[in-house]
Amino acid sequence: MEQKILLDTNFLVAPFQMNISIFRELDEKFPDNELYTLDDVIEEAKSIESGRYGSLVQKLVETQGVEVLETEGEGVVDDLIFRLSDEFVVATNDKELKNRILREGRPVIYIRGSSYLEAENLGL
């Protein structure tokens, strides 16, 4: 079953902070996945730790073939992702965003124990 997965900023930064290969894990657990992120997510990564992760995330997105969706309008990245959570499985480690999405009964993928992925509400 094909999974359209939307990657949040903290999920894309995780490979540089934890012992996890998120793309290998996603491919193993969801072999027919299509990966997406938002242009605002990449911009947000540039603001983390004085821009330390901006170029790393940009390169990671390019080398892994993640499709970057153009954001329309203004808004907080988490709110934009939440609005899209009815179209995508959201991959995030943001506890507040994760809980907002789960309360709506929508699927979420997150990193558990700094080393593997867990999913909720996927209905698999």
PDB file of N, CA and C in Angstrom:
ATOM      1  N   MET A   1       0.830  -1.180   0.000  1.00  0.00           N
ATOM      2  CA  MET A   1       0.000   0.000   0.000  1.00  0.00           C
ATOM      3  C   MET A   1       0.881   1.252   0.000  1.00  0.00           C
ATOM      4  N   GLU A   2       0.641   2.137  -0.939  1.00  0.00           N
ATOM      5  CA  GLU A   2       1.440   3.351  -1.066  1.00  0.00           C
ATOM      6  C   GLU A   2       1.148   4.317   0.081  1.00  0.00           C
ATOM      7  N   GLN A   3       2.204   4.859   0.659  1.00  0.00           N
ATOM      8  CA  GLN A   3       2.081   5.827   1.744  1.00  0.00           C
ATOM      9  C   GLN A   3       2.701   7.149   1.307  1.00  0.00           C
ATOM     10  N   LYS A   4       1.919   8.210   1.330  1.00  0.00           N
ATOM     11  CA  LYS A   4       2.428   9.561   1.108  1.00  0.00           C
ATOM     12  C   LYS A   4       2.801  10.104   2.478  1.00  0.00           C
ATOM     13  N   ILE A   5       4.108  10.311   2.685  1.00  0.00           N
ATOM     14  CA  ILE A   5       4.620  10.695   3.997  1.00  0.00           C
ATOM     15  C   ILE A   5       5.170  12.119   3.938  1.00  0.00           C
ATOM     16  N   LEU A   6       4.682  12.970   4.843  1.00  0.00           N
ATOM     17  CA  LEU A   6       5.105  14.360   4.934  1.00  0.00           C
ATOM     18  C   LEU A   6       6.078  14.497   6.102  1.00  0.00           C
ATOM     19  N   LEU A   7       7.305  14.924   5.816  1.00  0.00           N
ATOM     20  CA  LEU A   7       8.372  15.001   6.809  1.00  0.00           C
ATOM     21  C   LEU A   7       8.443  16.389   7.448  1.00  0.00           C
ATOM     22  N   ASP A   8       8.419  16.421   8.777  1.00  0.00           N
ATOM     23  CA  ASP A   8       8.527  17.654   9.546  1.00  0.00           C
ATOM     24  C   ASP A   8      10.009  17.996   9.748  1.00  0.00           C
ATOM     25  N   THR A   9      10.261  19.220  10.160  1.00  0.00           N
ATOM     26  CA  THR A   9      11.629  19.702  10.356  1.00  0.00           C
ATOM     27  C   THR A   9      12.422  18.814  11.308  1.00  0.00           C
ATOM     28  N   ASN A  10      11.869  18.547  12.479  1.00  0.00           N
ATOM     29  CA  ASN A  10      12.637  17.788  13.469  1.00  0.00           C
ATOM     30  C   ASN A  10      12.909  16.360  13.014  1.00  0.00           C
ATOM     31  N   PHE A  11      12.079  15.838  12.121  1.00  0.00           N
ATOM     32  CA  PHE A  11      12.301  14.501  11.575  1.00  0.00           C
ATOM     33  C   PHE A  11      13.492  14.522  10.613  1.00  0.00           C
ATOM     34  N   LEU A  12      13.615  15.597   9.841  1.00  0.00           N
ATOM     35  CA  LEU A  12      14.730  15.723   8.894  1.00  0.00           C
ATOM     36  C   LEU A  12      16.048  16.066   9.589  1.00  0.00           C
ATOM     37  N   VAL A  13      15.971  16.667  10.751  1.00  0.00           N
ATOM     38  CA  VAL A  13      17.169  17.003  11.514  1.00  0.00           C
ATOM     39  C   VAL A  13      17.659  15.795  12.322  1.00  0.00           C
ATOM     40  N   ALA A  14      16.767  14.877  12.629  1.00  0.00           N
ATOM     41  CA  ALA A  14      17.073  13.725  13.487  1.00  0.00           C
ATOM     42  C   ALA A  14      18.309  12.928  13.070  1.00  0.00           C
ATOM     43  N   PRO A  15      18.540  12.658  11.763  1.00  0.00           N
ATOM     44  CA  PRO A  15      19.732  11.870  11.417  1.00  0.00           C
ATOM     45  C   PRO A  15      21.042  12.524  11.843  1.00  0.00           C
ATOM     46  N   PHE A  16      21.022  13.831  12.060  1.00  0.00           N
ATOM     47  CA  PHE A  16      22.230  14.541  12.467  1.00  0.00           C
ATOM     48  C   PHE A  16      22.349  14.642  13.987  1.00  0.00           C
ATOM     49  N   GLN A  17      21.288  14.220  14.700  1.00  0.00           N
ATOM     50  CA  GLN A  17      21.276  14.327  16.157  1.00  0.00           C
ATOM     51  C   GLN A  17      21.191  12.971  16.859  1.00  0.00           C
ATOM     52  N   MET A  18      20.690  11.950  16.143  1.00  0.00           N
ATOM     53  CA  MET A  18      20.455  10.640  16.749  1.00  0.00           C
ATOM     54  C   MET A  18      21.105   9.545  15.913  1.00  0.00           C
ATOM     55  N   ASN A  19      21.085   8.356  16.455  1.00  0.00           N
ATOM     56  CA  ASN A  19      21.628   7.201  15.751  1.00  0.00           C
ATOM     57  C   ASN A  19      20.508   6.511  14.977  1.00  0.00           C
ATOM     58  N   ILE A  20      20.043   7.170  13.893  1.00  0.00           N
ATOM     59  CA  ILE A  20      18.954   6.595  13.111  1.00  0.00           C
ATOM     60  C   ILE A  20      19.097   7.000  11.649  1.00  0.00           C
ATOM     61  N   SER A  21      18.813   6.047  10.795  1.00  0.00           N
ATOM     62  CA  SER A  21      18.751   6.309   9.361  1.00  0.00           C
ATOM     63  C   SER A  21      17.268   6.325   8.991  1.00  0.00           C
ATOM     64  N   ILE A  22      16.667   7.502   9.035  1.00  0.00           N
ATOM     65  CA  ILE A  22      15.215   7.592   8.843  1.00  0.00           C
ATOM     66  C   ILE A  22      14.769   7.090   7.480  1.00  0.00           C
ATOM     67  N   PHE A  23      15.574   7.304   6.460  1.00  0.00           N
ATOM     68  CA  PHE A  23      15.158   6.897   5.117  1.00  0.00           C
ATOM     69  C   PHE A  23      15.220   5.386   4.942  1.00  0.00           C
ATOM     70  N   ARG A  24      16.234   4.750   5.508  1.00  0.00           N
ATOM     71  CA  ARG A  24      16.296   3.291   5.475  1.00  0.00           C
ATOM     72  C   ARG A  24      15.118   2.696   6.235  1.00  0.00           C
ATOM     73  N   GLU A  25      14.848   3.248   7.416  1.00  0.00           N
ATOM     74  CA  GLU A  25      13.716   2.774   8.226  1.00  0.00           C
ATOM     75  C   GLU A  25      12.387   2.963   7.492  1.00  0.00           C
ATOM     76  N   LEU A  26      12.196   4.112   6.874  1.00  0.00           N
ATOM     77  CA  LEU A  26      10.949   4.360   6.137  1.00  0.00           C
ATOM     78  C   LEU A  26      10.799   3.384   4.984  1.00  0.00           C
ATOM     79  N   ASP A  27      11.901   3.126   4.271  1.00  0.00           N
ATOM     80  CA  ASP A  27      11.848   2.178   3.147  1.00  0.00           C
ATOM     81  C   ASP A  27      11.544   0.758   3.616  1.00  0.00           C
ATOM     82  N   GLU A  28      12.082   0.383   4.773  1.00  0.00           N
ATOM     83  CA  GLU A  28      11.834  -0.961   5.302  1.00  0.00           C
ATOM     84  C   GLU A  28      10.390  -1.122   5.763  1.00  0.00           C
ATOM     85  N   LYS A  29       9.874  -0.140   6.473  1.00  0.00           N
ATOM     86  CA  LYS A  29       8.527  -0.236   7.035  1.00  0.00           C
ATOM     87  C   LYS A  29       7.431   0.103   6.025  1.00  0.00           C
ATOM     88  N   PHE A  30       7.737   0.992   5.092  1.00  0.00           N
ATOM     89  CA  PHE A  30       6.766   1.449   4.097  1.00  0.00           C
ATOM     90  C   PHE A  30       7.425   1.427   2.718  1.00  0.00           C
ATOM     91  N   PRO A  31       7.577   0.229   2.129  1.00  0.00           N
ATOM     92  CA  PRO A  31       8.334   0.097   0.885  1.00  0.00           C
ATOM     93  C   PRO A  31       7.780   0.923  -0.278  1.00  0.00           C
ATOM     94  N   ASP A  32       6.499   1.173  -0.293  1.00  0.00           N
ATOM     95  CA  ASP A  32       5.908   1.951  -1.384  1.00  0.00           C
ATOM     96  C   ASP A  32       5.642   3.381  -0.953  1.00  0.00           C
ATOM     97  N   ASN A  33       6.606   3.993  -0.285  1.00  0.00           N
ATOM     98  CA  ASN A  33       6.382   5.352   0.205  1.00  0.00           C
ATOM     99  C   ASN A  33       6.757   6.403  -0.828  1.00  0.00           C
ATOM    100  N   GLU A  34       6.097   7.526  -0.718  1.00  0.00           N
ATOM    101  CA  GLU A  34       6.454   8.742  -1.451  1.00  0.00           C
ATOM    102  C   GLU A  34       6.706   9.789  -0.387  1.00  0.00           C
ATOM    103  N   LEU A  35       7.884  10.407  -0.415  1.00  0.00           N
ATOM    104  CA  LEU A  35       8.270  11.337   0.633  1.00  0.00           C
ATOM    105  C   LEU A  35       8.133  12.782   0.170  1.00  0.00           C
ATOM    106  N   TYR A  36       7.582  13.593   1.077  1.00  0.00           N
ATOM    107  CA  TYR A  36       7.351  15.007   0.817  1.00  0.00           C
ATOM    108  C   TYR A  36       7.790  15.817   2.029  1.00  0.00           C
ATOM    109  N   THR A  37       8.061  17.083   1.785  1.00  0.00           N
ATOM    110  CA  THR A  37       8.244  18.050   2.852  1.00  0.00           C
ATOM    111  C   THR A  37       7.783  19.391   2.300  1.00  0.00           C
ATOM    112  N   LEU A  38       7.824  20.401   3.134  1.00  0.00           N
ATOM    113  CA  LEU A  38       7.409  21.744   2.725  1.00  0.00           C
ATOM    114  C   LEU A  38       8.625  22.643   2.580  1.00  0.00           C
ATOM    115  N   ASP A  39       8.544  23.626   1.680  1.00  0.00           N
ATOM    116  CA  ASP A  39       9.641  24.582   1.561  1.00  0.00           C
ATOM    117  C   ASP A  39       9.851  25.323   2.882  1.00  0.00           C
ATOM    118  N   ASP A  40       8.771  25.544   3.635  1.00  0.00           N
ATOM    119  CA  ASP A  40       8.898  26.199   4.937  1.00  0.00           C
ATOM    120  C   ASP A  40       9.637  25.327   5.955  1.00  0.00           C
ATOM    121  N   VAL A  41       9.554  24.016   5.804  1.00  0.00           N
ATOM    122  CA  VAL A  41      10.286  23.101   6.680  1.00  0.00           C
ATOM    123  C   VAL A  41      11.786  23.292   6.463  1.00  0.00           C
ATOM    124  N   ILE A  42      12.200  23.384   5.216  1.00  0.00           N
ATOM    125  CA  ILE A  42      13.624  23.584   4.917  1.00  0.00           C
ATOM    126  C   ILE A  42      14.088  24.935   5.452  1.00  0.00           C
ATOM    127  N   GLU A  43      13.253  25.963   5.299  1.00  0.00           N
ATOM    128  CA  GLU A  43      13.592  27.280   5.839  1.00  0.00           C
ATOM    129  C   GLU A  43      13.685  27.236   7.364  1.00  0.00           C
ATOM    130  N   GLU A  44      12.778  26.507   7.992  1.00  0.00           N
ATOM    131  CA  GLU A  44      12.806  26.384   9.448  1.00  0.00           C
ATOM    132  C   GLU A  44      14.095  25.694   9.910  1.00  0.00           C
ATOM    133  N   ALA A  45      14.547  24.703   9.153  1.00  0.00           N
ATOM    134  CA  ALA A  45      15.790  23.999   9.505  1.00  0.00           C
ATOM    135  C   ALA A  45      16.977  24.951   9.511  1.00  0.00           C
ATOM    136  N   LYS A  46      16.926  25.957   8.661  1.00  0.00           N
ATOM    137  CA  LYS A  46      18.011  26.943   8.595  1.00  0.00           C
ATOM    138  C   LYS A  46      18.087  27.800   9.851  1.00  0.00           C
ATOM    139  N   SER A  47      17.003  27.839  10.618  1.00  0.00           N
ATOM    140  CA  SER A  47      16.983  28.670  11.828  1.00  0.00           C
ATOM    141  C   SER A  47      17.396  27.892  13.076  1.00  0.00           C
ATOM    142  N   ILE A  48      17.558  26.587  12.959  1.00  0.00           N
ATOM    143  CA  ILE A  48      17.919  25.767  14.120  1.00  0.00           C
ATOM    144  C   ILE A  48      19.420  25.852  14.364  1.00  0.00           C
ATOM    145  N   GLU A  49      19.785  26.099  15.606  1.00  0.00           N
ATOM    146  CA  GLU A  49      21.190  26.192  16.019  1.00  0.00           C
ATOM    147  C   GLU A  49      22.010  27.052  15.057  1.00  0.00           C
ATOM    148  N   SER A  50      21.558  28.272  14.862  1.00  0.00           N
ATOM    149  CA  SER A  50      22.240  29.271  14.026  1.00  0.00           C
ATOM    150  C   SER A  50      22.463  28.796  12.597  1.00  0.00           C
ATOM    151  N   GLY A  51      21.517  28.052  12.065  1.00  0.00           N
ATOM    152  CA  GLY A  51      21.598  27.619  10.674  1.00  0.00           C
ATOM    153  C   GLY A  51      22.431  26.383  10.432  1.00  0.00           C
ATOM    154  N   ARG A  52      22.874  25.766  11.487  1.00  0.00           N
ATOM    155  CA  ARG A  52      23.761  24.602  11.381  1.00  0.00           C
ATOM    156  C   ARG A  52      23.173  23.485  10.515  1.00  0.00           C
ATOM    157  N   TYR A  53      21.851  23.307  10.572  1.00  0.00           N
ATOM    158  CA  TYR A  53      21.233  22.188   9.876  1.00  0.00           C
ATOM    159  C   TYR A  53      20.647  22.537   8.507  1.00  0.00           C
ATOM    160  N   GLY A  54      20.578  23.803   8.173  1.00  0.00           N
ATOM    161  CA  GLY A  54      19.949  24.217   6.919  1.00  0.00           C
ATOM    162  C   GLY A  54      20.505  23.539   5.685  1.00  0.00           C
ATOM    163  N   SER A  55      21.805  23.634   5.476  1.00  0.00           N
ATOM    164  CA  SER A  55      22.400  23.041   4.276  1.00  0.00           C
ATOM    165  C   SER A  55      22.401  21.515   4.350  1.00  0.00           C
ATOM    166  N   LEU A  56      22.541  20.971   5.561  1.00  0.00           N
ATOM    167  CA  LEU A  56      22.500  19.516   5.706  1.00  0.00           C
ATOM    168  C   LEU A  56      21.129  18.965   5.334  1.00  0.00           C
ATOM    169  N   VAL A  57      20.069  19.602   5.818  1.00  0.00           N
ATOM    170  CA  VAL A  57      18.713  19.168   5.499  1.00  0.00           C
ATOM    171  C   VAL A  57      18.443  19.340   4.011  1.00  0.00           C
ATOM    172  N   GLN A  58      18.880  20.456   3.440  1.00  0.00           N
ATOM    173  CA  GLN A  58      18.684  20.702   2.001  1.00  0.00           C
ATOM    174  C   GLN A  58      19.342  19.584   1.178  1.00  0.00           C
ATOM    175  N   LYS A  59      20.563  19.234   1.519  1.00  0.00           N
ATOM    176  CA  LYS A  59      21.277  18.184   0.790  1.00  0.00           C
ATOM    177  C   LYS A  59      20.598  16.824   0.997  1.00  0.00           C
ATOM    178  N   LEU A  60      20.169  16.537   2.211  1.00  0.00           N
ATOM    179  CA  LEU A  60      19.485  15.284   2.518  1.00  0.00           C
ATOM    180  C   LEU A  60      18.207  15.147   1.692  1.00  0.00           C
ATOM    181  N   VAL A  61      17.435  16.202   1.626  1.00  0.00           N
ATOM    182  CA  VAL A  61      16.190  16.202   0.856  1.00  0.00           C
ATOM    183  C   VAL A  61      16.484  15.938  -0.624  1.00  0.00           C
ATOM    184  N   GLU A  62      17.511  16.577  -1.138  1.00  0.00           N
ATOM    185  CA  GLU A  62      17.872  16.403  -2.551  1.00  0.00           C
ATOM    186  C   GLU A  62      18.369  14.992  -2.842  1.00  0.00           C
ATOM    187  N   THR A  63      19.259  14.470  -1.996  1.00  0.00           N
ATOM    188  CA  THR A  63      19.832  13.155  -2.276  1.00  0.00           C
ATOM    189  C   THR A  63      18.839  12.016  -2.063  1.00  0.00           C
ATOM    190  N   GLN A  64      17.836  12.228  -1.215  1.00  0.00           N
ATOM    191  CA  GLN A  64      16.857  11.175  -0.929  1.00  0.00           C
ATOM    192  C   GLN A  64      15.614  11.285  -1.815  1.00  0.00           C
ATOM    193  N   GLY A  65      15.586  12.265  -2.697  1.00  0.00           N
ATOM    194  CA  GLY A  65      14.458  12.393  -3.617  1.00  0.00           C
ATOM    195  C   GLY A  65      13.156  12.797  -2.955  1.00  0.00           C
ATOM    196  N   VAL A  66      13.243  13.595  -1.908  1.00  0.00           N
ATOM    197  CA  VAL A  66      12.053  14.084  -1.225  1.00  0.00           C
ATOM    198  C   VAL A  66      11.478  15.237  -2.043  1.00  0.00           C
ATOM    199  N   GLU A  67      10.185  15.154  -2.358  1.00  0.00           N
ATOM    200  CA  GLU A  67       9.545  16.227  -3.113  1.00  0.00           C
ATOM    201  C   GLU A  67       9.226  17.381  -2.173  1.00  0.00           C
ATOM    202  N   VAL A  68       9.641  18.580  -2.550  1.00  0.00           N
ATOM    203  CA  VAL A  68       9.410  19.766  -1.728  1.00  0.00           C
ATOM    204  C   VAL A  68       8.167  20.479  -2.252  1.00  0.00           C
ATOM    205  N   LEU A  69       7.162  20.578  -1.393  1.00  0.00           N
ATOM    206  CA  LEU A  69       5.914  21.242  -1.755  1.00  0.00           C
ATOM    207  C   LEU A  69       6.018  22.726  -1.418  1.00  0.00           C
ATOM    208  N   GLU A  70       5.567  23.547  -2.331  1.00  0.00           N
ATOM    209  CA  GLU A  70       5.597  24.980  -2.107  1.00  0.00           C
ATOM    210  C   GLU A  70       4.454  25.360  -1.176  1.00  0.00           C
ATOM    211  N   THR A  71       4.790  26.145  -0.173  1.00  0.00           N
ATOM    212  CA  THR A  71       3.803  26.569   0.802  1.00  0.00           C
ATOM    213  C   THR A  71       3.106  27.827   0.292  1.00  0.00           C
ATOM    214  N   GLU A  72       1.797  27.809   0.402  1.00  0.00           N
ATOM    215  CA  GLU A  72       1.027  28.987  -0.008  1.00  0.00           C
ATOM    216  C   GLU A  72       0.610  29.757   1.228  1.00  0.00           C
ATOM    217  N   GLY A  73       0.870  31.055   1.210  1.00  0.00           N
ATOM    218  CA  GLY A  73       0.463  31.895   2.330  1.00  0.00           C
ATOM    219  C   GLY A  73       1.441  31.826   3.473  1.00  0.00           C
ATOM    220  N   GLU A  74       1.042  32.456   4.556  1.00  0.00           N
ATOM    221  CA  GLU A  74       1.862  32.540   5.756  1.00  0.00           C
ATOM    222  C   GLU A  74       1.315  31.582   6.802  1.00  0.00           C
ATOM    223  N   GLY A  75       2.126  31.306   7.781  1.00  0.00           N
ATOM    224  CA  GLY A  75       1.645  30.485   8.885  1.00  0.00           C
ATOM    225  C   GLY A  75       2.771  29.748   9.568  1.00  0.00           C
ATOM    226  N   VAL A  76       2.459  29.255  10.739  1.00  0.00           N
ATOM    227  CA  VAL A  76       3.403  28.450  11.509  1.00  0.00           C
ATOM    228  C   VAL A  76       3.515  27.093  10.819  1.00  0.00           C
ATOM    229  N   VAL A  77       4.722  26.583  10.696  1.00  0.00           N
ATOM    230  CA  VAL A  77       4.963  25.325   9.994  1.00  0.00           C
ATOM    231  C   VAL A  77       4.104  24.192  10.565  1.00  0.00           C
ATOM    232  N   ASP A  78       4.022  24.093  11.878  1.00  0.00           N
ATOM    233  CA  ASP A  78       3.230  23.020  12.487  1.00  0.00           C
ATOM    234  C   ASP A  78       1.754  23.119  12.082  1.00  0.00           C
ATOM    235  N   ASP A  79       1.239  24.334  11.988  1.00  0.00           N
ATOM    236  CA  ASP A  79      -0.160  24.502  11.572  1.00  0.00           C
ATOM    237  C   ASP A  79      -0.349  24.095  10.114  1.00  0.00           C
ATOM    238  N   LEU A  80       0.616  24.416   9.274  1.00  0.00           N
ATOM    239  CA  LEU A  80       0.547  24.019   7.865  1.00  0.00           C
ATOM    240  C   LEU A  80       0.554  22.495   7.745  1.00  0.00           C
ATOM    241  N   ILE A  81       1.433  21.852   8.493  1.00  0.00           N
ATOM    242  CA  ILE A  81       1.518  20.389   8.468  1.00  0.00           C
ATOM    243  C   ILE A  81       0.233  19.774   9.006  1.00  0.00           C
ATOM    244  N   PHE A  82      -0.296  20.339  10.073  1.00  0.00           N
ATOM    245  CA  PHE A  82      -1.541  19.819  10.634  1.00  0.00           C
ATOM    246  C   PHE A  82      -2.660  19.873   9.595  1.00  0.00           C
ATOM    247  N   ARG A  83      -2.755  20.982   8.868  1.00  0.00           N
ATOM    248  CA  ARG A  83      -3.800  21.104   7.838  1.00  0.00           C
ATOM    249  C   ARG A  83      -3.635  20.057   6.738  1.00  0.00           C
ATOM    250  N   LEU A  84      -2.407  19.657   6.477  1.00  0.00           N
ATOM    251  CA  LEU A  84      -2.155  18.654   5.431  1.00  0.00           C
ATOM    252  C   LEU A  84      -2.243  17.221   5.943  1.00  0.00           C
ATOM    253  N   SER A  85      -2.434  17.054   7.239  1.00  0.00           N
ATOM    254  CA  SER A  85      -2.401  15.713   7.822  1.00  0.00           C
ATOM    255  C   SER A  85      -3.580  14.838   7.405  1.00  0.00           C
ATOM    256  N   ASP A  86      -4.570  15.412   6.743  1.00  0.00           N
ATOM    257  CA  ASP A  86      -5.651  14.570   6.226  1.00  0.00           C
ATOM    258  C   ASP A  86      -5.307  13.991   4.864  1.00  0.00           C
ATOM    259  N   GLU A  87      -4.200  14.461   4.262  1.00  0.00           N
ATOM    260  CA  GLU A  87      -3.758  13.966   2.959  1.00  0.00           C
ATOM    261  C   GLU A  87      -2.491  13.107   3.035  1.00  0.00           C
ATOM    262  N   PHE A  88      -1.769  13.217   4.143  1.00  0.00           N
ATOM    263  CA  PHE A  88      -0.471  12.564   4.292  1.00  0.00           C
ATOM    264  C   PHE A  88      -0.379  11.839   5.632  1.00  0.00           C
ATOM    265  N   VAL A  89       0.543  10.884   5.704  1.00  0.00           N
ATOM    266  CA  VAL A  89       1.007  10.368   6.986  1.00  0.00           C
ATOM    267  C   VAL A  89       2.104  11.346   7.403  1.00  0.00           C
ATOM    268  N   VAL A  90       1.980  11.944   8.563  1.00  0.00           N
ATOM    269  CA  VAL A  90       2.960  12.928   9.007  1.00  0.00           C
ATOM    270  C   VAL A  90       4.054  12.246   9.817  1.00  0.00           C
ATOM    271  N   ALA A  91       5.296  12.544   9.478  1.00  0.00           N
ATOM    272  CA  ALA A  91       6.458  12.047  10.219  1.00  0.00           C
ATOM    273  C   ALA A  91       7.012  13.217  11.029  1.00  0.00           C
ATOM    274  N   THR A  92       6.841  13.137  12.343  1.00  0.00           N
ATOM    275  CA  THR A  92       7.274  14.223  13.224  1.00  0.00           C
ATOM    276  C   THR A  92       7.692  13.690  14.582  1.00  0.00           C
ATOM    277  N   ASN A  93       8.571  14.412  15.232  1.00  0.00           N
ATOM    278  CA  ASN A  93       8.927  14.134  16.615  1.00  0.00           C
ATOM    279  C   ASN A  93       8.427  15.233  17.533  1.00  0.00           C
ATOM    280  N   ASP A  94       7.693  16.169  16.976  1.00  0.00           N
ATOM    281  CA  ASP A  94       7.118  17.256  17.760  1.00  0.00           C
ATOM    282  C   ASP A  94       5.923  16.704  18.529  1.00  0.00           C
ATOM    283  N   LYS A  95       6.060  16.620  19.841  1.00  0.00           N
ATOM    284  CA  LYS A  95       5.044  15.981  20.680  1.00  0.00           C
ATOM    285  C   LYS A  95       3.675  16.663  20.544  1.00  0.00           C
ATOM    286  N   GLU A  96       3.647  17.982  20.561  1.00  0.00           N
ATOM    287  CA  GLU A  96       2.389  18.714  20.462  1.00  0.00           C
ATOM    288  C   GLU A  96       1.712  18.467  19.111  1.00  0.00           C
ATOM    289  N   LEU A  97       2.483  18.566  18.044  1.00  0.00           N
ATOM    290  CA  LEU A  97       1.926  18.322  16.705  1.00  0.00           C
ATOM    291  C   LEU A  97       1.448  16.885  16.578  1.00  0.00           C
ATOM    292  N   LYS A  98       2.246  15.954  17.057  1.00  0.00           N
ATOM    293  CA  LYS A  98       1.878  14.539  17.013  1.00  0.00           C
ATOM    294  C   LYS A  98       0.545  14.310  17.716  1.00  0.00           C
ATOM    295  N   ASN A  99       0.390  14.863  18.901  1.00  0.00           N
ATOM    296  CA  ASN A  99      -0.843  14.679  19.660  1.00  0.00           C
ATOM    297  C   ASN A  99      -2.043  15.340  18.989  1.00  0.00           C
ATOM    298  N   ARG A 100      -1.852  16.509  18.384  1.00  0.00           N
ATOM    299  CA  ARG A 100      -2.942  17.172  17.646  1.00  0.00           C
ATOM    300  C   ARG A 100      -3.442  16.277  16.517  1.00  0.00           C
ATOM    301  N   ILE A 101      -2.504  15.698  15.791  1.00  0.00           N
ATOM    302  CA  ILE A 101      -2.853  14.845  14.649  1.00  0.00           C
ATOM    303  C   ILE A 101      -3.529  13.562  15.130  1.00  0.00           C
ATOM    304  N   LEU A 102      -2.974  12.957  16.172  1.00  0.00           N
ATOM    305  CA  LEU A 102      -3.550  11.717  16.702  1.00  0.00           C
ATOM    306  C   LEU A 102      -4.970  11.934  17.238  1.00  0.00           C
ATOM    307  N   ARG A 103      -5.221  13.094  17.848  1.00  0.00           N
ATOM    308  CA  ARG A 103      -6.575  13.390  18.352  1.00  0.00           C
ATOM    309  C   ARG A 103      -7.602  13.417  17.215  1.00  0.00           C
ATOM    310  N   GLU A 104      -7.149  13.723  16.016  1.00  0.00           N
ATOM    311  CA  GLU A 104      -8.028  13.734  14.840  1.00  0.00           C
ATOM    312  C   GLU A 104      -8.162  12.340  14.231  1.00  0.00           C
ATOM    313  N   GLY A 105      -7.446  11.368  14.819  1.00  0.00           N
ATOM    314  CA  GLY A 105      -7.491  10.000  14.307  1.00  0.00           C
ATOM    315  C   GLY A 105      -6.660   9.796  13.055  1.00  0.00           C
ATOM    316  N   ARG A 106      -5.733  10.710  12.814  1.00  0.00           N
ATOM    317  CA  ARG A 106      -4.888  10.645  11.622  1.00  0.00           C
ATOM    318  C   ARG A 106      -3.554   9.970  11.949  1.00  0.00           C
ATOM    319  N   PRO A 107      -2.895   9.407  10.936  1.00  0.00           N
ATOM    320  CA  PRO A 107      -1.657   8.659  11.178  1.00  0.00           C
ATOM    321  C   PRO A 107      -0.425   9.537  11.387  1.00  0.00           C
ATOM    322  N   VAL A 108       0.466   9.035  12.232  1.00  0.00           N
ATOM    323  CA  VAL A 108       1.722   9.722  12.545  1.00  0.00           C
ATOM    324  C   VAL A 108       2.830   8.683  12.647  1.00  0.00           C
ATOM    325  N   ILE A 109       4.000   9.047  12.149  1.00  0.00           N
ATOM    326  CA  ILE A 109       5.222   8.261  12.313  1.00  0.00           C
ATOM    327  C   ILE A 109       6.163   9.107  13.166  1.00  0.00           C
ATOM    328  N   TYR A 110       6.816   8.476  14.140  1.00  0.00           N
ATOM    329  CA  TYR A 110       7.736   9.215  14.988  1.00  0.00           C
ATOM    330  C   TYR A 110       8.903   8.314  15.379  1.00  0.00           C
ATOM    331  N   ILE A 111       9.953   8.927  15.875  1.00  0.00           N
ATOM    332  CA  ILE A 111      11.149   8.193  16.287  1.00  0.00           C
ATOM    333  C   ILE A 111      11.002   7.801  17.748  1.00  0.00           C
ATOM    334  N   ARG A 112      11.228   6.525  18.010  1.00  0.00           N
ATOM    335  CA  ARG A 112      11.093   5.988  19.369  1.00  0.00           C
ATOM    336  C   ARG A 112      12.476   5.554  19.848  1.00  0.00           C
ATOM    337  N   GLY A 113      12.836   5.948  21.038  1.00  0.00           N
ATOM    338  CA  GLY A 113      14.087   5.504  21.627  1.00  0.00           C
ATOM    339  C   GLY A 113      15.324   5.919  20.858  1.00  0.00           C
ATOM    340  N   SER A 114      15.249   6.990  20.095  1.00  0.00           N
ATOM    341  CA  SER A 114      16.370   7.536  19.314  1.00  0.00           C
ATOM    342  C   SER A 114      16.931   6.582  18.266  1.00  0.00           C
ATOM    343  N   SER A 115      16.229   5.451  18.007  1.00  0.00           N
ATOM    344  CA  SER A 115      16.848   4.512  17.082  1.00  0.00           C
ATOM    345  C   SER A 115      15.896   3.773  16.144  1.00  0.00           C
ATOM    346  N   TYR A 116      14.581   3.887  16.324  1.00  0.00           N
ATOM    347  CA  TYR A 116      13.683   3.212  15.389  1.00  0.00           C
ATOM    348  C   TYR A 116      12.370   3.990  15.267  1.00  0.00           C
ATOM    349  N   LEU A 117      11.636   3.684  14.201  1.00  0.00           N
ATOM    350  CA  LEU A 117      10.392   4.372  13.920  1.00  0.00           C
ATOM    351  C   LEU A 117       9.196   3.601  14.449  1.00  0.00           C
ATOM    352  N   GLU A 118       8.216   4.363  14.889  1.00  0.00           N
ATOM    353  CA  GLU A 118       6.957   3.788  15.320  1.00  0.00           C
ATOM    354  C   GLU A 118       5.842   4.576  14.631  1.00  0.00           C
ATOM    355  N   ALA A 119       4.718   3.909  14.366  1.00  0.00           N
ATOM    356  CA  ALA A 119       3.591   4.553  13.705  1.00  0.00           C
ATOM    357  C   ALA A 119       2.317   4.313  14.493  1.00  0.00           C
ATOM    358  N   GLU A 120       1.431   5.283  14.450  1.00  0.00           N
ATOM    359  CA  GLU A 120       0.120   5.142  15.085  1.00  0.00           C
ATOM    360  C   GLU A 120      -0.963   5.560  14.091  1.00  0.00           C
ATOM    361  N   ASN A 121      -2.124   4.931  14.204  1.00  0.00           N
ATOM    362  CA  ASN A 121      -3.307   5.240  13.398  1.00  0.00           C
ATOM    363  C   ASN A 121      -3.123   4.947  11.904  1.00  0.00           C
ATOM    364  N   LEU A 122      -2.221   4.041  11.573  1.00  0.00           N
ATOM    365  CA  LEU A 122      -2.028   3.707  10.153  1.00  0.00           C
ATOM    366  C   LEU A 122      -3.064   2.709   9.657  1.00  0.00           C
ATOM    367  N   GLY A 123      -3.656   1.980  10.550  1.00  0.00           N
ATOM    368  CA  GLY A 123      -4.671   1.018  10.148  1.00  0.00           C
ATOM    369  C   GLY A 123      -4.130  -0.123   9.285  1.00  0.00           C
ATOM    370  N   LEU A 124      -2.888  -0.524   9.553  1.00  0.00           N
ATOM    371  CA  LEU A 124      -2.275  -1.609   8.782  1.00  0.00           C
ATOM    372  C   LEU A 124      -2.624  -2.953   9.367  1.00  0.00           C
TER     373      LEU A 124
END
